[in-house]
N, C-alpha and C. Protein backbone atom coordinates (compact mmCIF):
# COMPACT_ATOMS: atom_id res chain seq x y z
N UNK A 1 47.91 73.68 4.84
CA UNK A 1 48.98 74.45 5.45
C UNK A 1 50.18 73.55 5.74
N UNK A 2 49.94 72.39 6.34
CA UNK A 2 51.01 71.48 6.66
C UNK A 2 51.67 70.92 5.42
N UNK A 3 50.85 70.67 4.39
CA UNK A 3 51.41 70.14 3.15
C UNK A 3 52.33 71.17 2.50
N UNK A 4 51.95 72.43 2.56
CA UNK A 4 52.81 73.46 1.99
C UNK A 4 54.13 73.54 2.75
N UNK A 5 54.07 73.44 4.06
CA UNK A 5 55.28 73.46 4.87
C UNK A 5 56.15 72.25 4.53
N UNK A 6 55.52 71.08 4.42
CA UNK A 6 56.25 69.86 4.14
C UNK A 6 56.93 69.91 2.77
N UNK A 7 56.25 70.45 1.78
CA UNK A 7 56.79 70.50 0.43
C UNK A 7 57.56 71.80 0.18
N UNK A 8 57.68 72.64 1.15
CA UNK A 8 58.40 73.90 0.97
C UNK A 8 57.70 74.83 0.01
N UNK A 9 56.39 74.73 -0.04
CA UNK A 9 55.61 75.59 -0.92
C UNK A 9 55.50 75.06 -2.34
N UNK A 10 56.26 74.04 -2.68
CA UNK A 10 56.23 73.49 -4.03
C UNK A 10 55.63 72.08 -3.96
N UNK A 11 54.37 71.97 -4.36
CA UNK A 11 53.68 70.69 -4.27
C UNK A 11 54.09 69.70 -5.35
N UNK A 12 54.88 70.13 -6.31
CA UNK A 12 55.30 69.24 -7.39
C UNK A 12 56.59 68.50 -7.05
N UNK A 13 57.31 68.92 -6.04
CA UNK A 13 58.58 68.26 -5.72
C UNK A 13 58.34 67.06 -4.82
N UNK A 14 59.20 66.10 -4.90
CA UNK A 14 59.11 64.91 -4.05
C UNK A 14 59.85 65.18 -2.75
N UNK A 15 59.43 64.44 -1.73
CA UNK A 15 60.10 64.61 -0.43
C UNK A 15 60.68 63.26 -0.02
N UNK A 16 61.67 63.30 0.82
CA UNK A 16 62.31 62.09 1.31
C UNK A 16 61.59 61.56 2.56
N UNK A 17 61.98 60.37 2.93
CA UNK A 17 61.39 59.72 4.10
C UNK A 17 61.63 60.47 5.39
N UNK A 18 62.83 61.04 5.54
CA UNK A 18 63.14 61.76 6.77
C UNK A 18 62.32 63.03 6.89
N UNK A 19 62.10 63.68 5.76
CA UNK A 19 61.27 64.90 5.79
C UNK A 19 59.84 64.55 6.20
N UNK A 20 59.32 63.47 5.65
CA UNK A 20 57.96 63.03 6.02
C UNK A 20 57.92 62.64 7.49
N UNK A 21 58.98 61.96 7.97
CA UNK A 21 59.04 61.55 9.37
C UNK A 21 59.06 62.78 10.29
N UNK A 22 59.86 63.79 9.92
CA UNK A 22 59.91 65.02 10.74
C UNK A 22 58.55 65.69 10.77
N UNK A 23 57.88 65.73 9.63
CA UNK A 23 56.56 66.35 9.56
C UNK A 23 55.57 65.60 10.46
N UNK A 24 55.56 64.29 10.38
CA UNK A 24 54.62 63.48 11.18
C UNK A 24 54.90 63.62 12.67
N UNK A 25 56.17 63.63 13.04
CA UNK A 25 56.52 63.80 14.45
C UNK A 25 56.12 65.19 14.94
N UNK A 26 56.37 66.21 14.12
CA UNK A 26 55.97 67.56 14.50
C UNK A 26 54.47 67.67 14.66
N UNK A 27 53.72 67.05 13.76
CA UNK A 27 52.27 67.05 13.84
C UNK A 27 51.79 66.32 15.09
N UNK A 28 52.41 65.18 15.38
CA UNK A 28 52.04 64.41 16.57
C UNK A 28 52.33 65.20 17.84
N UNK A 29 53.48 65.88 17.88
CA UNK A 29 53.81 66.68 19.06
C UNK A 29 52.84 67.85 19.24
N UNK A 30 52.36 68.39 18.16
CA UNK A 30 51.43 69.51 18.25
C UNK A 30 50.03 69.03 18.65
N UNK A 31 49.59 67.86 18.16
CA UNK A 31 48.23 67.39 18.43
C UNK A 31 48.09 66.69 19.77
N UNK A 32 49.14 66.05 20.24
CA UNK A 32 49.05 65.26 21.47
C UNK A 32 48.56 66.07 22.66
N UNK A 33 49.15 67.22 22.97
CA UNK A 33 48.64 67.97 24.13
C UNK A 33 47.20 68.45 23.96
N UNK A 34 46.79 68.63 22.72
CA UNK A 34 45.43 69.12 22.51
C UNK A 34 44.39 68.02 22.67
N UNK A 35 44.68 66.81 22.19
CA UNK A 35 43.67 65.76 22.16
C UNK A 35 43.75 64.75 23.29
N UNK A 36 44.88 64.61 23.93
CA UNK A 36 45.02 63.62 25.00
C UNK A 36 44.04 63.85 26.14
N UNK A 37 43.90 65.07 26.68
CA UNK A 37 42.93 65.24 27.77
C UNK A 37 41.50 64.92 27.34
N UNK A 38 41.15 65.26 26.12
CA UNK A 38 39.80 64.97 25.63
C UNK A 38 39.57 63.47 25.53
N UNK A 39 40.52 62.75 24.97
CA UNK A 39 40.40 61.30 24.84
C UNK A 39 40.37 60.64 26.21
N UNK A 40 41.23 61.10 27.11
CA UNK A 40 41.27 60.51 28.46
C UNK A 40 39.95 60.75 29.20
N UNK A 41 39.42 61.95 29.11
CA UNK A 41 38.16 62.27 29.79
C UNK A 41 37.03 61.42 29.26
N UNK A 42 36.95 61.29 27.95
CA UNK A 42 35.89 60.46 27.36
C UNK A 42 36.08 58.99 27.70
N UNK A 43 37.31 58.54 27.74
CA UNK A 43 37.58 57.14 28.09
C UNK A 43 37.15 56.85 29.52
N UNK A 44 37.47 57.74 30.43
CA UNK A 44 37.08 57.55 31.82
C UNK A 44 35.56 57.52 31.95
N UNK A 45 34.88 58.43 31.28
CA UNK A 45 33.41 58.47 31.34
C UNK A 45 32.81 57.20 30.74
N UNK A 46 33.37 56.75 29.63
CA UNK A 46 32.87 55.52 29.00
C UNK A 46 33.09 54.31 29.90
N UNK A 47 34.27 54.21 30.50
CA UNK A 47 34.55 53.10 31.42
C UNK A 47 33.62 53.13 32.63
N UNK A 48 33.34 54.31 33.14
CA UNK A 48 32.42 54.44 34.28
C UNK A 48 31.03 53.93 33.89
N UNK A 49 30.54 54.33 32.70
CA UNK A 49 29.23 53.87 32.25
C UNK A 49 29.22 52.36 32.01
N UNK A 50 30.30 51.84 31.44
CA UNK A 50 30.39 50.39 31.22
C UNK A 50 30.40 49.62 32.53
N UNK A 51 31.12 50.11 33.53
CA UNK A 51 31.15 49.45 34.83
C UNK A 51 29.78 49.47 35.49
N UNK A 52 29.08 50.60 35.40
CA UNK A 52 27.73 50.67 35.97
C UNK A 52 26.78 49.71 35.25
N UNK A 53 26.89 49.65 33.92
CA UNK A 53 26.04 48.74 33.15
C UNK A 53 26.36 47.29 33.49
N UNK A 54 27.64 46.96 33.62
CA UNK A 54 28.03 45.59 33.98
C UNK A 54 27.49 45.22 35.37
N UNK A 55 27.61 46.13 36.32
CA UNK A 55 27.11 45.86 37.67
C UNK A 55 25.60 45.66 37.65
N UNK A 56 24.89 46.47 36.87
CA UNK A 56 23.44 46.34 36.78
C UNK A 56 23.06 45.01 36.12
N UNK A 57 23.78 44.62 35.07
CA UNK A 57 23.51 43.33 34.43
C UNK A 57 23.81 42.17 35.37
N UNK A 58 24.86 42.30 36.15
CA UNK A 58 25.19 41.26 37.13
C UNK A 58 24.09 41.15 38.17
N UNK A 59 23.59 42.29 38.63
CA UNK A 59 22.50 42.28 39.62
C UNK A 59 21.24 41.67 39.01
N UNK A 60 20.89 42.10 37.79
CA UNK A 60 19.68 41.59 37.14
C UNK A 60 19.77 40.11 36.81
N UNK A 61 20.97 39.61 36.54
CA UNK A 61 21.09 38.20 36.21
C UNK A 61 20.83 37.31 37.42
N UNK A 62 20.86 37.88 38.62
CA UNK A 62 20.61 37.11 39.83
C UNK A 62 19.23 37.32 40.41
N UNK A 63 18.37 38.05 39.71
CA UNK A 63 17.03 38.36 40.23
C UNK A 63 15.98 37.87 39.25
N UNK A 64 14.96 37.20 39.78
CA UNK A 64 13.85 36.75 38.94
C UNK A 64 12.96 37.92 38.55
N UNK A 65 12.58 38.05 37.28
CA UNK A 65 11.77 39.19 36.85
C UNK A 65 10.35 39.20 37.40
N UNK A 66 9.80 38.03 37.68
CA UNK A 66 8.42 37.98 38.16
C UNK A 66 8.33 38.33 39.64
N UNK A 67 9.15 37.68 40.46
CA UNK A 67 9.03 37.84 41.91
C UNK A 67 9.95 38.91 42.47
N UNK A 68 11.03 39.20 41.78
CA UNK A 68 12.01 40.13 42.33
C UNK A 68 12.91 39.48 43.36
N UNK A 69 12.69 38.18 43.63
CA UNK A 69 13.56 37.45 44.55
C UNK A 69 14.80 37.00 43.80
N UNK A 70 15.85 36.75 44.56
CA UNK A 70 17.06 36.22 43.94
C UNK A 70 16.77 34.85 43.33
N UNK A 71 17.29 34.59 42.14
CA UNK A 71 17.08 33.31 41.48
C UNK A 71 18.23 32.36 41.84
N UNK A 72 18.34 31.25 41.11
CA UNK A 72 19.36 30.25 41.43
C UNK A 72 20.77 30.85 41.41
N UNK A 73 21.07 31.68 40.43
CA UNK A 73 22.40 32.31 40.36
C UNK A 73 22.62 33.21 41.58
N UNK A 74 21.62 34.01 41.91
CA UNK A 74 21.74 34.86 43.09
C UNK A 74 21.84 34.05 44.37
N UNK A 75 21.10 32.93 44.43
CA UNK A 75 21.14 32.05 45.59
C UNK A 75 22.54 31.48 45.77
N UNK A 76 23.14 30.98 44.68
CA UNK A 76 24.47 30.39 44.79
C UNK A 76 25.50 31.42 45.24
N UNK A 77 25.39 32.64 44.72
CA UNK A 77 26.32 33.69 45.12
C UNK A 77 26.12 34.09 46.59
N UNK A 78 24.85 34.25 46.97
CA UNK A 78 24.56 34.66 48.35
C UNK A 78 24.84 33.55 49.35
N UNK A 79 24.62 32.31 48.96
CA UNK A 79 24.86 31.19 49.87
C UNK A 79 26.35 30.96 50.10
N UNK A 80 27.16 31.32 49.13
CA UNK A 80 28.61 31.12 49.27
C UNK A 80 29.22 32.12 50.25
N UNK A 81 28.66 33.30 50.34
CA UNK A 81 29.26 34.35 51.17
C UNK A 81 29.30 34.01 52.66
N UNK A 82 28.17 33.64 53.32
CA UNK A 82 28.26 33.38 54.76
C UNK A 82 29.06 32.14 55.11
N UNK A 83 29.06 31.15 54.23
CA UNK A 83 29.79 29.93 54.55
C UNK A 83 31.27 30.03 54.21
N UNK A 84 31.69 31.11 53.54
CA UNK A 84 33.09 31.27 53.18
C UNK A 84 33.92 31.81 54.35
N UNK A 85 33.26 32.42 55.32
CA UNK A 85 33.99 32.96 56.47
C UNK A 85 34.67 31.82 57.23
N UNK A 86 35.89 32.03 57.71
CA UNK A 86 36.61 30.94 58.40
C UNK A 86 35.85 30.37 59.59
N UNK A 87 35.17 31.23 60.35
CA UNK A 87 34.46 30.73 61.53
C UNK A 87 33.21 29.94 61.16
N UNK A 88 32.74 30.08 59.91
CA UNK A 88 31.53 29.37 59.49
C UNK A 88 31.83 28.07 58.76
N UNK A 89 33.07 27.83 58.40
CA UNK A 89 33.40 26.60 57.66
C UNK A 89 33.05 25.38 58.49
N UNK A 90 32.30 24.51 57.88
CA UNK A 90 31.92 23.28 58.56
C UNK A 90 30.72 23.42 59.47
N UNK A 91 30.26 24.66 59.70
CA UNK A 91 29.09 24.87 60.57
C UNK A 91 27.82 24.55 59.78
N UNK A 92 26.83 23.95 60.43
CA UNK A 92 25.57 23.68 59.73
C UNK A 92 24.83 24.98 59.40
N UNK A 93 24.07 24.95 58.33
CA UNK A 93 23.30 26.11 57.90
C UNK A 93 21.84 25.68 57.80
N UNK A 94 20.94 26.50 58.30
CA UNK A 94 19.51 26.19 58.22
C UNK A 94 18.92 26.78 56.94
N UNK A 95 17.99 26.05 56.34
CA UNK A 95 17.29 26.55 55.17
C UNK A 95 15.87 25.99 55.17
N UNK A 96 14.94 26.79 54.76
CA UNK A 96 13.54 26.38 54.65
C UNK A 96 13.21 26.35 53.16
N UNK A 97 12.83 25.18 52.65
CA UNK A 97 12.50 25.03 51.24
C UNK A 97 11.00 24.79 51.13
N UNK A 98 10.33 25.60 50.33
CA UNK A 98 8.89 25.46 50.13
C UNK A 98 8.62 25.15 48.66
N UNK A 99 7.95 24.06 48.42
CA UNK A 99 7.55 23.70 47.06
C UNK A 99 6.05 23.96 46.97
N UNK A 100 5.68 24.99 46.25
CA UNK A 100 4.29 25.46 46.21
C UNK A 100 3.61 24.81 44.99
N UNK A 101 3.03 23.64 45.21
CA UNK A 101 2.44 22.88 44.11
C UNK A 101 1.08 23.39 43.68
N UNK A 102 0.35 24.06 44.54
CA UNK A 102 -1.01 24.47 44.21
C UNK A 102 -1.07 25.49 43.08
N UNK A 103 0.05 26.10 42.75
CA UNK A 103 0.01 27.12 41.70
C UNK A 103 -0.33 26.54 40.32
N UNK A 104 -0.07 25.26 40.11
CA UNK A 104 -0.46 24.62 38.86
C UNK A 104 -1.98 24.61 38.72
N UNK A 105 -2.67 24.23 39.79
CA UNK A 105 -4.14 24.22 39.77
C UNK A 105 -4.69 25.64 39.67
N UNK A 106 -4.05 26.58 40.34
CA UNK A 106 -4.50 27.98 40.26
C UNK A 106 -4.34 28.49 38.84
N UNK A 107 -3.22 28.15 38.22
CA UNK A 107 -2.97 28.56 36.85
C UNK A 107 -4.02 27.97 35.91
N UNK A 108 -4.32 26.68 36.09
CA UNK A 108 -5.31 26.02 35.23
C UNK A 108 -6.70 26.60 35.44
N UNK A 109 -7.06 26.90 36.69
CA UNK A 109 -8.42 27.37 36.99
C UNK A 109 -8.63 28.86 36.70
N UNK A 110 -7.65 29.69 37.02
CA UNK A 110 -7.85 31.14 36.95
C UNK A 110 -6.98 31.86 35.92
N UNK A 111 -6.00 31.18 35.37
CA UNK A 111 -5.16 31.80 34.35
C UNK A 111 -3.80 32.24 34.88
N UNK A 112 -2.92 32.51 33.95
CA UNK A 112 -1.54 32.83 34.27
C UNK A 112 -1.41 34.15 35.04
N UNK A 113 -2.22 35.14 34.72
CA UNK A 113 -2.12 36.43 35.42
C UNK A 113 -2.41 36.29 36.90
N UNK A 114 -3.44 35.51 37.23
CA UNK A 114 -3.80 35.28 38.64
C UNK A 114 -2.69 34.50 39.34
N UNK A 115 -2.16 33.50 38.64
CA UNK A 115 -1.04 32.70 39.15
C UNK A 115 0.16 33.60 39.44
N UNK A 116 0.50 34.48 38.49
CA UNK A 116 1.63 35.40 38.67
C UNK A 116 1.41 36.33 39.86
N UNK A 117 0.18 36.81 40.00
CA UNK A 117 -0.13 37.69 41.15
C UNK A 117 0.08 36.94 42.46
N UNK A 118 -0.30 35.67 42.49
CA UNK A 118 -0.09 34.86 43.70
C UNK A 118 1.38 34.67 44.01
N UNK A 119 2.18 34.42 42.98
CA UNK A 119 3.62 34.27 43.19
C UNK A 119 4.27 35.57 43.65
N UNK A 120 3.81 36.70 43.08
CA UNK A 120 4.36 38.00 43.53
C UNK A 120 3.98 38.26 44.99
N UNK A 121 2.77 37.88 45.37
CA UNK A 121 2.33 38.07 46.76
C UNK A 121 3.15 37.20 47.70
N UNK A 122 3.36 35.94 47.31
CA UNK A 122 4.18 35.04 48.12
C UNK A 122 5.59 35.62 48.27
N UNK A 123 6.15 36.13 47.18
CA UNK A 123 7.48 36.73 47.23
C UNK A 123 7.50 37.94 48.16
N UNK A 124 6.44 38.73 48.12
CA UNK A 124 6.35 39.90 49.00
C UNK A 124 6.33 39.49 50.47
N UNK A 125 5.58 38.45 50.78
CA UNK A 125 5.51 37.96 52.16
C UNK A 125 6.88 37.44 52.60
N UNK A 126 7.52 36.66 51.75
CA UNK A 126 8.85 36.14 52.10
C UNK A 126 9.87 37.26 52.27
N UNK A 127 9.82 38.25 51.39
CA UNK A 127 10.77 39.37 51.47
C UNK A 127 10.56 40.15 52.76
N UNK A 128 9.31 40.35 53.15
CA UNK A 128 9.06 41.11 54.39
C UNK A 128 9.47 40.30 55.61
N UNK A 129 9.38 38.97 55.54
CA UNK A 129 9.75 38.14 56.68
C UNK A 129 11.24 37.84 56.75
N UNK A 130 11.86 37.60 55.59
CA UNK A 130 13.25 37.13 55.59
C UNK A 130 14.21 38.07 54.88
N UNK A 131 13.71 39.13 54.29
CA UNK A 131 14.59 40.09 53.62
C UNK A 131 15.32 39.48 52.45
N UNK A 132 16.62 39.75 52.38
CA UNK A 132 17.41 39.30 51.23
C UNK A 132 17.86 37.85 51.36
N UNK A 133 17.30 37.11 52.31
CA UNK A 133 17.62 35.70 52.45
C UNK A 133 16.56 34.81 51.81
N UNK A 134 15.63 35.39 51.05
CA UNK A 134 14.61 34.60 50.37
C UNK A 134 14.92 34.52 48.88
N UNK A 135 14.73 33.34 48.32
CA UNK A 135 15.14 33.06 46.95
C UNK A 135 14.04 32.29 46.22
N UNK A 136 13.93 32.50 44.94
CA UNK A 136 13.01 31.73 44.10
C UNK A 136 13.84 30.79 43.24
N UNK A 137 13.66 29.50 43.45
CA UNK A 137 14.39 28.50 42.65
C UNK A 137 13.36 27.77 41.80
N UNK A 138 13.20 28.19 40.59
CA UNK A 138 12.16 27.63 39.75
C UNK A 138 10.88 28.43 39.91
N UNK A 139 9.86 28.04 39.18
CA UNK A 139 8.61 28.81 39.19
C UNK A 139 7.83 28.64 40.49
N UNK A 140 7.89 27.49 41.12
CA UNK A 140 7.06 27.27 42.30
C UNK A 140 7.85 26.74 43.50
N UNK A 141 9.14 27.06 43.56
CA UNK A 141 9.95 26.63 44.69
C UNK A 141 10.68 27.83 45.26
N UNK A 142 10.53 28.02 46.56
CA UNK A 142 11.21 29.14 47.23
C UNK A 142 12.05 28.60 48.37
N UNK A 143 13.09 29.33 48.70
CA UNK A 143 14.00 28.96 49.78
C UNK A 143 14.22 30.17 50.67
N UNK A 144 14.22 29.93 51.97
CA UNK A 144 14.62 30.95 52.92
C UNK A 144 15.86 30.41 53.60
N UNK A 145 16.98 31.07 53.41
CA UNK A 145 18.26 30.61 53.95
C UNK A 145 18.55 31.31 55.26
N UNK A 146 19.13 30.56 56.17
CA UNK A 146 19.52 31.12 57.46
C UNK A 146 21.01 31.36 57.51
N UNK A 147 21.45 31.91 58.59
CA UNK A 147 22.88 32.11 58.83
C UNK A 147 23.48 30.79 59.32
N UNK A 148 24.79 30.64 59.18
CA UNK A 148 25.42 29.43 59.75
C UNK A 148 25.12 29.34 61.25
N UNK A 149 24.77 28.15 61.69
CA UNK A 149 24.41 27.95 63.09
C UNK A 149 25.68 27.83 63.93
N UNK A 150 25.62 28.40 65.12
CA UNK A 150 26.77 28.32 66.03
C UNK A 150 26.37 27.48 67.24
N UNK A 151 27.30 26.79 67.75
CA UNK A 151 27.04 25.97 68.93
C UNK A 151 26.77 26.85 70.13
N UNK A 152 25.82 26.42 70.95
CA UNK A 152 25.50 27.19 72.16
C UNK A 152 26.65 27.05 73.15
N UNK A 153 26.94 28.13 73.83
CA UNK A 153 28.07 28.12 74.77
C UNK A 153 27.65 27.55 76.09
């Protein structure tokens, strides 16, 4: 239909550049109101899904798959937050570091599955005691971080 309009019903005749330009502009003006809302709606939905996926990947990159505790990346991010506050700068911070060496012997004696169950249990105990301040740094090292300490008044 558009080609017939462009060629004036005669498909054998040649057209000039301005005629083609007018046709393309007319087509663009006709299609833009029809397709712009559809493209915008789909773009917004796609961006929303991408943002959710990025946030989930960011969260997962900071969590150990075995224990569910924050790993070194999560520890560094979480440790930076409380010490970044102006009132906490320079204040000492308490941390409890546990190096659980017996898991090597448990692994050798009972197998990896039993070892993994022990690590998950340890993580569960730490999570119930310290919440989101417990971290797994390596396979057999855990940290419980405290808040910045304040001087007694």
